[in-house]
Each structure stands twice: as structure tokens, then as C-alpha cells.
Amino acid sequence: MEKIELYYRLPVFAQHVATSVYGYKLKRERYTKIYHRYFELYRNHKISEKQALTDLLNHLQEKVEAYKDIRVDTDNVLESFYALDETDKETLRNSLDKYSCREGKIMYGSTSGTTGKNLVVYQSEEDMGRRMAYLDYIKSLHGVEPFSKRASFTGNFIMSEKHHNKLWRRNISMNQTLYASYFMTHANVKYIYRHLAETRPVTLDGLPSAIHLLAQYILKNNINIDWNIKAVFPTAEAVLPHMKDDIENAFNTVVVDQYASGEGAPFLYLGPDKKYVVGSETGLFEFYKVQDSIYDIVVTSYINYATPIVRYRIGDQVEIKSDKDYLNSYCDDIQIERIIGRGGDYLTGEFGQKVTAVNVTWMLAGYEDKVVQYQVIQKSNHEFLINMVVDKNYDYSVDEAVIRERFKRRFGDKVFVFKYMDDIPKGKNGKVRFIINEAGGTV
């Protein structure tokens, strides 16, 4: 019997114990002397970007087979960097050992497979320490100190269906309560709120679709949060504008949008002044214009030496107000307007233009109180499936007609099939994809 099956058979109180024991194991692995050293370096701004890039290039040349023949000019480190080839997920998947350095204590990291393909990469103890230290550094900028009481909305299966509405497990070792996002619905979210109000966490983190579901319940029931939540740190999904507004209003706090990845990409995050900050201590970002103000992201990480992420086309996009076709965070002063997420997560408009989840949100503007949740699936160039969870005030005739007309203006005279449901289906990783393009090679 697998360990997870044994865990599911335990009574709930024993699952709390098991979760805390596993949390203690993770705490010992992640929060080492390496973590504390880097946390102080980040907090005191002791990392030089030029030195970090130079150190990475030297490591590539000396320790990674794929880069053994590169030339490192310490007087012109950027030119040495530009000479490197781009990589992508297939490069690493097909030649992982060639692009890795398996020295010291090695662990595994992976992507969640939004595109349907997982990627496993190596991480060293040093890599893990640097990554965890920078995550906590970002939180500290918003007044959240390490090991503050937190509520985490996870896509992991921390419970089985038989436990019904007991949707949380305690990780006492890290002062954390884990909530099972995959099993959260509009019918049981009230139990989540009641437990949250009892535990009174300082911060929330995890899947924004789950946190937004909770925020909607709070707003709909005119509940006033009577404790201070310093910040919300969403991960793994794009945060749409209406979701951000609802979460901030419900919890009377700030949503700190951030960007990283399971591959070990550098960090991009919202600073206390509500402007996006490139974590230059963690890596170098390159931006290639796709159209208008939309740019593809190419990343190079300074914090993953076991499987270095170098000029890696990660498949995500941002919006930047610039006329330039190419920008990078090492040389250019960049003001990022928003993080879009996966470049593949877009629909195709009437004239072939890309329509992102944010654009779809604008088409539903004014219906925030009636449309609780939605998902748009492009089945082909001519057919769209629109899944919707609606409030009792929604008029299935009048409101649908208005929304249908808005979709026609954006996509043309296509077939729009409206399907109403109690909850939008989640993926195996607990995430909700708000737009899905199944049109294959037509986009």
C-alpha cells in the first residue's frame, strides 16, 4: 500500500499529526543555515547582479557539460551571456543530465504541467535555501516575518472525499493551515470561512481561484473581517483584475502578485509601492515583443545551479509599455504593467488577434455580482463553450443575451454555447483555467 493511501485511511486528527510530521521534515530540509545566510543577504541588499551573472557563467563552464565550451569574459559578462543559446522545456526534458550538475545533496523540483507535460529538474540544498530565502524576503517587505501564522490554499490532495467538509489540515511545524482547494465549492466554502475566522491567520497564500471563492462568500454575506491580514500571496495561477479587487476588498489587505516557477525561474513581484519589481538578485529577465505591449518572457536564474535555467523560454507573458522589440532587466529600466501568465492561454479573436483572460474579464464587466465564476473554452475557430456559475439575480434570458452580444463583438458571428453549473471543474493540480484553447493548430 502506498503511503498516501495509508494517509487517507487515517482519521482526521491523525492526518493533522501526519501533516505536521511531514512539515517538520520539510522545515529541516528548507530552513537551513543556507536559508538564514541568504535571507540576511537579500534583506541587506548584499547581492551584486554582475557578480551573480559572472558566478553563474563560471559555474556553467566548469560544472555543466552542455556549456563546457563557452567563453566567459569577466570584463564583458553581458556579451558572454548573449552568446548562449536559448533553451526550453523540451531541451531540458530530452537532455536533463547534460544540462545539470548533480553535486551535493540533490532534490527534485517540477512544473505542474499546465501544458499537459510535466518537467522534473534537479535542485541542490543551496538552491532550495536561496529560493525559500527570497520568498520570505518578498513577504517581509509587506510586514510578514518568517513562520507567521498562515493559511495556504493548496492544490495537493491533503484529504479524501469521504471527509466531506473537514477541508483543512494543520501543519503545526510551520504554523500553517492547509486548505484543500480541489474540494472547495460554493456549497462548502462557509466551513472554510468559519475555520479561518477561528485560526485568524496573518497571511493567505496559494491558488487565487480558491481564495477568490472565499472572498466572494465574505462579500456576498457582508462579513467584516475583524482581524488583520497583512497580505495575500497568490501562486500558480494568473490573478485576474476582478479577482484581485474582490480579495482585497473582502480581506481589507493587499494582493502581492508574484511570478516564479517550478523550474527555478527568477522572481518578479509586486512591491509595497504596488509596482512590479524584478528580483535581480535571483536572475535576469529578457522580454521579446509579441504584439502591441505583450512580451514573451525568457528567463535566466541565479538560484538554481543543479539544473541551471539559462535563456529559457518559459512560455509566459507580461505587459510592458515600451516601443522596443527587445528588453532585458540587466540593462533596461522596465515597468511591467501586469503578469499575464502562459502565452498559450489565449483565445483567437475574429481577426486572428489574441484574446487573454483579462480581455474576457472586460467582456463580463458589470456582471461581477451576477456571474460568480466563468470559464471560456474555444472548441474550434467557430465554436465556444462558456461555462458559468451564476447568482440567483442572474436573468438567463436578458443577461445571457447581453453577454452573448459582447462575445460576438469580440469574436464575430460564432457559435456560443452557454452551460450553467454549480462549480467550474478543476484540473488534477487543483487549478482552475479560466480560458482554454482546444482549437489545436488553428491558433
Protein backbone atom coordinates (compact mmCIF):
# COMPACT_ATOMS: atom_id res chain seq x y z
CA MET A 1 0.00 0.00 0.00
CA GLU A 2 1.31 3.46 -0.93
CA LYS A 3 1.94 5.96 1.86
CA ILE A 4 -0.72 8.32 0.51
CA GLU A 5 -3.36 5.56 0.62
CA LEU A 6 -2.42 4.81 4.22
CA TYR A 7 -2.68 8.53 5.00
CA TYR A 8 -6.21 8.70 3.51
CA ARG A 9 -7.31 5.83 5.77
CA LEU A 10 -6.27 7.71 8.91
CA PRO A 11 -8.87 9.59 10.97
CA VAL A 12 -8.72 13.37 10.60
CA PHE A 13 -6.87 14.02 13.87
CA ALA A 14 -4.15 11.56 12.80
CA GLN A 15 -3.90 13.30 9.43
CA HIS A 16 -3.20 16.55 11.30
CA VAL A 17 -0.36 14.77 13.08
CA ALA A 18 0.98 13.23 9.87
CA THR A 19 0.84 16.61 8.09
CA SER A 20 2.76 18.25 10.94
CA VAL A 21 5.38 15.48 10.96
CA TYR A 22 5.88 15.89 7.23
CA GLY A 23 6.01 19.66 7.74
CA TYR A 24 8.79 19.18 10.28
CA LYS A 25 10.73 17.17 7.70
CA LEU A 26 10.31 19.93 5.09
CA LYS A 27 11.27 22.59 7.61
CA ARG A 28 14.55 20.81 8.37
CA GLU A 29 15.27 20.48 4.63
CA ARG A 30 14.37 24.02 3.61
CA TYR A 31 15.20 26.30 6.52
CA THR A 32 18.87 25.54 6.99
CA LYS A 33 21.89 27.71 7.71
CA ILE A 34 21.99 28.33 3.96
CA TYR A 35 18.47 29.78 4.09
CA HIS A 36 19.30 32.08 7.01
CA ARG A 37 22.51 33.29 5.35
CA TYR A 38 20.76 34.19 2.09
CA PHE A 39 17.77 35.72 3.85
CA GLU A 40 20.10 38.22 5.51
CA LEU A 41 21.97 38.83 2.23
CA TYR A 42 18.70 39.61 0.42
CA ARG A 43 17.32 41.69 3.24
CA ASN A 44 20.51 43.77 3.43
CA HIS A 45 20.91 44.03 -0.39
CA LYS A 46 24.31 42.35 -0.42
CA ILE A 47 23.91 40.52 -3.76
CA SER A 48 25.62 42.10 -6.80
CA GLU A 49 23.81 41.30 -10.06
CA LYS A 50 27.01 41.48 -12.12
CA GLN A 51 28.77 39.11 -9.73
CA ALA A 52 25.76 36.79 -9.69
CA LEU A 53 25.76 36.58 -13.50
CA THR A 54 29.54 36.08 -13.59
CA ASP A 55 29.34 33.33 -10.97
CA LEU A 56 26.60 31.58 -12.95
CA LEU A 57 28.58 31.68 -16.21
CA ASN A 58 31.68 30.30 -14.47
CA HIS A 59 29.57 27.53 -12.93
CA LEU A 60 28.15 26.64 -16.36
CA GLN A 61 31.59 26.43 -17.91
CA GLU A 62 33.14 24.41 -15.09
CA LYS A 63 30.32 22.11 -13.99
CA VAL A 64 27.69 21.67 -16.75
CA GLU A 65 28.53 19.52 -19.77
CA ALA A 66 26.30 21.44 -22.22
CA TYR A 67 28.22 24.66 -21.50
CA LYS A 68 31.80 23.39 -21.11
CA ASP A 69 32.95 25.13 -24.30
CA ILE A 70 31.51 28.59 -23.60
CA ARG A 71 33.77 31.60 -23.20
CA VAL A 72 33.43 33.76 -20.09
CA ASP A 73 34.76 37.31 -20.40
CA THR A 74 34.57 38.84 -16.92
CA ASP A 75 35.23 42.30 -18.41
CA ASN A 76 32.21 41.98 -20.71
CA VAL A 77 29.98 39.49 -18.96
CA LEU A 78 26.84 40.52 -20.86
CA GLU A 79 28.38 39.68 -24.24
CA SER A 80 29.31 36.25 -22.88
CA PHE A 81 25.71 35.86 -21.79
CA TYR A 82 24.31 36.88 -25.21
CA ALA A 83 26.42 34.18 -26.86
CA LEU A 84 24.49 31.44 -25.05
CA ASP A 85 21.75 29.56 -26.89
CA GLU A 86 18.15 29.72 -25.78
CA THR A 87 16.64 26.66 -24.11
CA ASP A 88 13.09 25.43 -23.49
CA LYS A 89 11.21 22.66 -21.73
CA GLU A 90 11.97 20.09 -24.45
CA THR A 91 15.70 20.89 -24.27
CA LEU A 92 15.80 20.06 -20.57
CA ARG A 93 13.42 17.11 -20.76
CA ASN A 94 15.42 15.39 -23.51
CA SER A 95 18.91 16.12 -22.12
CA LEU A 96 18.43 16.77 -18.41
CA ASP A 97 21.74 15.32 -17.20
CA LYS A 98 23.69 17.15 -19.91
CA TYR A 99 22.23 20.43 -18.64
CA SER A 100 22.62 19.63 -14.94
CA CYS A 101 25.22 19.47 -12.18
CA ARG A 102 24.39 16.76 -9.65
CA GLU A 103 26.82 17.64 -6.89
CA GLY A 104 25.99 17.53 -3.21
CA LYS A 105 22.55 16.77 -1.76
CA ILE A 106 20.14 16.74 -4.72
CA MET A 107 16.35 17.13 -4.58
CA TYR A 108 13.73 17.32 -7.30
CA GLY A 109 11.55 20.18 -8.46
CA SER A 110 8.89 20.11 -11.15
CA THR A 111 6.36 22.14 -13.07
CA SER A 112 2.69 21.39 -12.63
CA GLY A 113 2.25 20.71 -16.32
CA THR A 114 -0.18 23.45 -17.41
CA THR A 115 0.55 22.47 -20.99
CA GLY A 116 -0.01 18.79 -20.21
CA LYS A 117 3.68 17.95 -19.90
CA ASN A 118 5.49 17.85 -16.57
CA LEU A 119 9.17 18.69 -16.29
CA VAL A 120 11.37 17.43 -13.48
CA VAL A 121 14.54 19.38 -12.67
CA TYR A 122 17.23 18.95 -10.03
CA GLN A 123 17.68 21.27 -7.05
CA SER A 124 20.59 21.35 -4.63
CA GLU A 125 20.36 22.14 -0.93
CA GLU A 126 21.91 25.53 -1.75
CA ASP A 127 19.31 26.17 -4.46
CA MET A 128 16.47 25.37 -2.08
CA GLY A 129 17.90 27.67 0.60
CA ARG A 130 18.22 30.59 -1.80
CA ARG A 131 14.72 30.11 -3.17
CA MET A 132 13.00 29.87 0.21
CA ALA A 133 15.00 32.84 1.49
CA TYR A 134 13.87 35.06 -1.37
CA LEU A 135 10.23 34.03 -0.96
CA ASP A 136 10.40 35.06 2.69
CA TYR A 137 12.26 38.26 1.76
CA ILE A 138 9.34 39.26 -0.51
CA LYS A 139 6.90 38.57 2.32
CA SER A 140 8.99 40.56 4.78
CA LEU A 141 8.65 43.64 2.55
CA HIS A 142 4.94 43.52 3.40
CA GLY A 143 5.43 43.02 7.13
CA VAL A 144 5.14 39.24 7.13
CA GLU A 145 8.00 37.65 9.06
CA PRO A 146 9.11 34.01 8.57
CA PHE A 147 6.78 31.46 10.20
CA SER A 148 3.96 33.92 10.79
CA LYS A 149 0.59 32.18 11.06
CA ARG A 150 -0.57 31.43 7.52
CA ALA A 151 -3.44 29.85 5.61
CA SER A 152 -2.37 28.04 2.44
CA PHE A 153 -4.82 27.05 -0.28
CA THR A 154 -3.13 24.09 -1.90
CA GLY A 155 -3.87 22.00 -4.96
CA ASN A 156 -2.40 18.92 -3.24
CA PHE A 157 -4.78 16.17 -2.19
CA ILE A 158 -4.48 16.58 1.58
CA MET A 159 -7.80 14.79 2.21
CA SER A 160 -10.14 12.31 0.58
CA GLU A 161 -13.73 12.89 -0.45
CA LYS A 162 -15.08 10.85 2.48
CA HIS A 163 -14.06 13.61 4.90
CA HIS A 164 -16.73 15.88 3.41
CA ASN A 165 -16.45 19.40 4.84
CA LYS A 166 -13.35 18.97 7.01
CA LEU A 167 -11.29 20.67 4.32
CA TRP A 168 -8.22 21.68 6.33
CA ARG A 169 -5.16 20.04 7.84
CA ARG A 170 -2.79 21.60 10.34
CA ASN A 171 0.96 21.82 9.82
CA ILE A 172 1.95 22.86 13.33
CA SER A 173 5.66 22.69 12.49
CA MET A 174 5.35 25.69 10.17
CA ASN A 175 2.44 27.49 11.89
CA GLN A 176 0.35 26.74 8.81
CA THR A 177 -3.15 25.55 7.99
CA LEU A 178 -3.57 23.85 4.62
CA TYR A 179 -6.94 24.10 2.85
CA ALA A 180 -7.89 21.60 0.13
CA SER A 181 -8.61 23.83 -2.87
CA TYR A 182 -9.57 20.92 -5.08
CA PHE A 183 -12.59 20.11 -2.91
CA MET A 184 -13.73 23.69 -2.29
CA THR A 185 -17.15 24.56 -3.72
CA HIS A 186 -19.74 27.28 -3.32
CA ALA A 187 -21.68 24.87 -1.09
CA ASN A 188 -18.90 24.21 1.43
CA VAL A 189 -16.89 27.45 1.41
CA LYS A 190 -18.75 28.62 4.53
CA TYR A 191 -16.93 25.94 6.54
CA ILE A 192 -13.60 27.28 5.29
CA TYR A 193 -14.51 30.79 6.42
CA ARG A 194 -15.61 29.65 9.88
CA HIS A 195 -12.35 27.80 10.43
CA LEU A 196 -10.33 30.71 9.06
CA ALA A 197 -12.07 33.07 11.49
CA GLU A 198 -11.16 30.76 14.37
CA THR A 199 -7.47 30.48 13.45
CA ARG A 200 -7.06 34.16 12.38
CA PRO A 201 -4.02 33.85 10.09
CA VAL A 202 -1.70 36.78 9.42
CA THR A 203 -1.38 35.94 5.73
CA LEU A 204 -3.01 33.86 2.98
CA ASP A 205 -1.23 32.15 0.10
CA GLY A 206 -1.87 29.61 -2.64
CA LEU A 207 -4.30 29.23 -5.53
CA PRO A 208 -6.08 32.56 -6.18
CA SER A 209 -9.18 30.84 -7.60
CA ALA A 210 -9.74 29.23 -4.18
CA ILE A 211 -9.00 32.43 -2.24
CA HIS A 212 -11.34 34.30 -4.58
CA LEU A 213 -14.13 31.80 -3.91
CA LEU A 214 -13.74 32.54 -0.19
CA ALA A 215 -13.65 36.30 -0.86
CA GLN A 216 -16.90 36.09 -2.82
CA TYR A 217 -18.58 34.34 0.12
CA ILE A 218 -17.38 37.08 2.50
CA LEU A 219 -18.58 39.91 0.25
CA LYS A 220 -21.90 38.29 -0.57
CA ASN A 221 -22.69 37.84 3.13
CA ASN A 222 -21.44 41.33 4.12
CA ILE A 223 -18.92 39.86 6.55
CA ASN A 224 -16.36 42.22 8.08
CA ILE A 225 -13.02 40.59 8.83
CA ASP A 226 -12.19 41.57 12.42
CA TRP A 227 -8.50 40.68 12.38
CA ASN A 228 -5.52 41.97 10.41
CA ILE A 229 -4.45 40.02 7.35
CA LYS A 230 -1.22 41.70 6.26
CA ALA A 231 -1.10 40.39 2.69
CA VAL A 232 -2.27 37.70 0.28
CA PHE A 233 0.37 35.90 -1.82
CA PRO A 234 -1.24 34.05 -4.77
CA THR A 235 0.70 31.34 -6.58
CA ALA A 236 0.44 29.03 -9.60
CA GLU A 237 -2.50 30.79 -11.35
CA ALA A 238 -2.93 34.18 -13.01
CA VAL A 239 -4.73 36.75 -10.86
CA LEU A 240 -7.43 38.46 -12.91
CA PRO A 241 -8.37 42.08 -12.10
CA HIS A 242 -11.81 41.28 -10.69
CA MET A 243 -10.32 38.53 -8.51
CA LYS A 244 -7.71 40.92 -7.13
CA ASP A 245 -10.36 43.55 -6.34
CA ASP A 246 -12.64 41.05 -4.59
CA ILE A 247 -9.84 39.55 -2.50
CA GLU A 248 -8.51 42.95 -1.41
CA ASN A 249 -11.99 44.21 -0.55
CA ALA A 250 -13.00 41.07 1.33
CA PHE A 251 -9.86 40.81 3.44
CA ASN A 252 -9.04 44.53 3.60
CA THR A 253 -5.48 43.85 2.53
CA VAL A 254 -3.14 43.86 -0.47
CA VAL A 255 -2.71 41.08 -3.04
CA VAL A 256 1.00 40.65 -3.76
CA ASP A 257 1.11 39.25 -7.28
CA GLN A 258 4.32 37.33 -7.87
CA TYR A 259 5.93 35.23 -10.55
CA ALA A 260 8.32 32.30 -10.30
CA SER A 261 8.11 28.67 -11.44
CA GLY A 262 8.77 25.07 -10.53
CA GLU A 263 11.72 25.05 -12.92
CA GLY A 264 13.51 27.56 -10.69
CA ALA A 265 12.86 30.79 -12.60
CA PRO A 266 13.85 34.12 -11.02
CA PHE A 267 11.30 36.21 -9.15
CA LEU A 268 9.04 39.01 -10.30
CA TYR A 269 6.72 40.50 -7.69
CA LEU A 270 4.54 43.43 -6.65
CA GLY A 271 6.41 45.74 -4.27
CA PRO A 272 4.96 47.76 -1.38
CA ASP A 273 4.51 50.73 -3.77
CA LYS A 274 2.26 48.48 -5.93
CA LYS A 275 4.74 48.45 -8.80
CA TYR A 276 6.24 45.27 -10.20
CA VAL A 277 9.83 44.60 -9.17
CA VAL A 278 12.28 42.33 -10.98
CA GLY A 279 14.15 40.22 -8.42
CA SER A 280 17.52 40.99 -9.99
CA GLU A 281 19.27 39.13 -7.16
CA THR A 282 17.63 35.93 -8.42
CA GLY A 283 18.07 36.18 -12.18
CA LEU A 284 17.87 38.02 -15.47
CA PHE A 285 14.67 38.52 -17.48
CA GLU A 286 14.58 39.04 -21.25
CA PHE A 287 11.42 40.27 -22.96
CA TYR A 288 10.58 39.78 -26.65
CA LYS A 289 7.66 41.73 -28.09
CA VAL A 290 4.81 39.60 -29.44
CA GLN A 291 2.28 42.27 -30.29
CA ASP A 292 1.38 45.73 -29.00
CA SER A 293 2.55 45.79 -25.36
CA ILE A 294 2.64 41.99 -24.88
CA TYR A 295 6.07 40.40 -24.40
CA ASP A 296 7.24 36.78 -24.14
CA ILE A 297 9.43 36.08 -21.11
CA VAL A 298 12.85 34.40 -21.37
CA VAL A 299 14.48 33.75 -18.00
CA THR A 300 17.94 33.04 -16.62
CA SER A 301 18.12 32.02 -12.97
CA TYR A 302 20.92 32.69 -10.50
CA ILE A 303 19.30 30.47 -7.86
CA ASN A 304 19.24 27.04 -9.49
CA TYR A 305 22.70 25.62 -10.02
CA ALA A 306 21.73 21.92 -10.09
CA THR A 307 19.71 22.37 -13.31
CA PRO A 308 20.59 25.88 -14.45
CA ILE A 309 17.74 27.71 -16.15
CA VAL A 310 19.52 29.66 -18.89
CA ARG A 311 17.86 31.83 -21.54
CA TYR A 312 14.83 29.62 -21.02
CA ARG A 313 11.61 30.24 -22.99
CA ILE A 314 9.20 29.56 -20.20
CA GLY A 315 6.01 30.21 -22.18
CA ASP A 316 4.69 33.09 -20.06
CA GLN A 317 3.97 36.71 -20.93
CA VAL A 318 3.82 40.17 -19.39
CA GLU A 319 2.54 43.55 -20.44
CA ILE A 320 5.14 46.35 -20.73
CA LYS A 321 4.62 49.85 -22.06
CA SER A 322 7.51 50.16 -24.48
CA ASP A 323 8.21 50.64 -28.19
CA LYS A 324 11.25 48.34 -28.11
CA ASP A 325 11.17 44.86 -29.62
CA TYR A 326 13.62 43.55 -27.01
CA LEU A 327 14.29 44.44 -23.38
CA ASN A 328 16.23 42.87 -20.55
CA SER A 329 16.29 43.52 -16.83
CA TYR A 330 20.09 43.80 -16.69
CA CYS A 331 20.31 46.88 -18.90
CA ASP A 332 16.84 48.40 -19.19
CA ASP A 333 14.62 50.27 -16.78
CA ILE A 334 11.44 48.22 -17.14
CA GLN A 335 7.97 48.98 -15.82
CA ILE A 336 5.81 45.88 -16.02
CA GLU A 337 2.09 46.65 -16.08
CA ARG A 338 0.82 43.15 -15.36
CA ILE A 339 1.73 39.48 -15.41
CA ILE A 340 -0.39 37.67 -17.98
CA GLY A 341 0.83 34.12 -17.45
CA ARG A 342 1.02 31.41 -20.03
CA GLY A 343 1.31 32.66 -23.58
CA GLY A 344 -0.66 29.58 -24.68
CA ASP A 345 -3.64 30.62 -22.56
CA TYR A 346 -5.42 32.80 -25.07
CA LEU A 347 -8.37 32.61 -27.42
CA THR A 348 -8.40 33.73 -31.03
CA GLY A 349 -10.48 36.77 -31.96
CA GLU A 350 -12.40 37.46 -35.16
CA PHE A 351 -9.36 38.81 -36.99
CA GLY A 352 -6.80 36.40 -35.52
CA GLN A 353 -5.84 38.58 -32.56
CA LYS A 354 -5.05 37.05 -29.17
CA VAL A 355 -7.74 37.40 -26.51
CA THR A 356 -6.44 36.81 -22.98
CA ALA A 357 -8.30 36.03 -19.75
CA VAL A 358 -8.09 39.72 -18.86
CA ASN A 359 -9.83 40.65 -22.13
CA VAL A 360 -12.59 38.16 -21.35
CA THR A 361 -12.97 39.73 -17.89
CA TRP A 362 -13.65 43.08 -19.56
CA MET A 363 -16.43 41.46 -21.62
CA LEU A 364 -18.10 40.47 -18.35
CA ALA A 365 -17.64 43.91 -16.75
CA GLY A 366 -20.71 44.97 -14.81
CA TYR A 367 -21.76 41.40 -14.12
CA GLU A 368 -19.44 40.75 -11.19
CA ASP A 369 -22.40 40.46 -8.81
CA LYS A 370 -24.29 38.06 -11.07
CA VAL A 371 -21.56 35.92 -12.66
CA VAL A 372 -19.84 34.19 -9.78
CA GLN A 373 -17.33 32.26 -11.89
CA TYR A 374 -16.76 31.53 -15.56
CA GLN A 375 -14.66 29.53 -17.98
CA VAL A 376 -14.43 30.04 -21.75
CA ILE A 377 -13.33 27.10 -23.92
CA GLN A 378 -12.62 27.66 -27.60
CA LYS A 379 -13.59 24.35 -29.19
CA SER A 380 -12.69 25.48 -32.73
CA ASN A 381 -12.41 28.66 -34.76
CA HIS A 382 -16.21 28.67 -34.93
CA GLU A 383 -17.43 27.36 -31.56
CA PHE A 384 -17.04 28.48 -27.96
CA LEU A 385 -18.28 26.81 -24.78
CA ILE A 386 -18.97 29.27 -21.95
CA ASN A 387 -19.25 27.59 -18.54
CA MET A 388 -20.80 29.83 -15.89
CA VAL A 389 -21.69 29.77 -12.22
CA VAL A 390 -24.30 32.47 -11.64
CA ASP A 391 -26.07 34.17 -8.76
CA LYS A 392 -29.83 33.98 -8.22
CA ASN A 393 -30.13 37.57 -9.56
CA TYR A 394 -28.87 36.48 -12.98
CA ASP A 395 -31.52 36.69 -15.72
CA TYR A 396 -30.95 33.71 -18.01
CA SER A 397 -32.67 35.45 -20.90
CA VAL A 398 -31.71 39.13 -20.68
CA ASP A 399 -28.24 38.82 -19.16
CA GLU A 400 -27.18 35.95 -21.39
CA ALA A 401 -28.29 37.93 -24.44
CA VAL A 402 -26.13 40.91 -23.44
CA ILE A 403 -23.07 38.74 -22.72
CA ARG A 404 -23.59 36.81 -25.95
CA GLU A 405 -23.63 40.09 -27.90
CA ARG A 406 -20.37 41.17 -26.26
CA PHE A 407 -18.73 37.90 -27.28
CA LYS A 408 -19.99 38.39 -30.82
CA ARG A 409 -18.39 41.83 -31.00
CA ARG A 410 -15.06 40.35 -29.94
CA PHE A 411 -15.13 37.01 -31.78
CA GLY A 412 -17.56 37.56 -34.64
CA ASP A 413 -20.67 35.58 -35.58
CA LYS A 414 -19.64 32.26 -33.99
CA VAL A 415 -21.49 29.56 -32.07
CA PHE A 416 -21.58 30.37 -28.33
CA VAL A 417 -22.89 27.57 -26.12
CA PHE A 418 -23.71 28.66 -22.56
CA LYS A 419 -23.55 25.94 -19.90
CA TYR A 420 -24.60 26.70 -16.33
CA MET A 421 -23.15 24.70 -13.44
CA ASP A 422 -22.65 24.76 -9.67
CA ASP A 423 -18.83 24.91 -9.83
CA ILE A 424 -16.21 25.22 -12.55
CA PRO A 425 -14.24 21.94 -12.90
CA LYS A 426 -10.70 21.98 -11.53
CA GLY A 427 -7.67 20.28 -13.02
CA LYS A 428 -5.82 17.46 -11.26
CA ASN A 429 -3.49 20.06 -9.74
CA GLY A 430 -6.44 21.89 -8.17
CA LYS A 431 -6.14 24.85 -10.54
CA VAL A 432 -8.95 26.50 -12.46
CA ARG A 433 -8.18 27.53 -16.04
CA PHE A 434 -10.43 30.44 -16.98
CA ILE A 435 -9.73 30.21 -20.70
CA ILE A 436 -8.85 27.06 -22.62
CA ASN A 437 -8.00 26.87 -26.30
CA GLU A 438 -8.78 23.47 -27.82
CA ALA A 439 -8.59 24.71 -31.40
CA GLY A 440 -5.20 22.99 -31.85
CA GLY A 441 -3.23 24.03 -34.90
CA THR A 442 -5.74 26.71 -35.84
CA VAL A 443 -4.17 29.23 -33.44
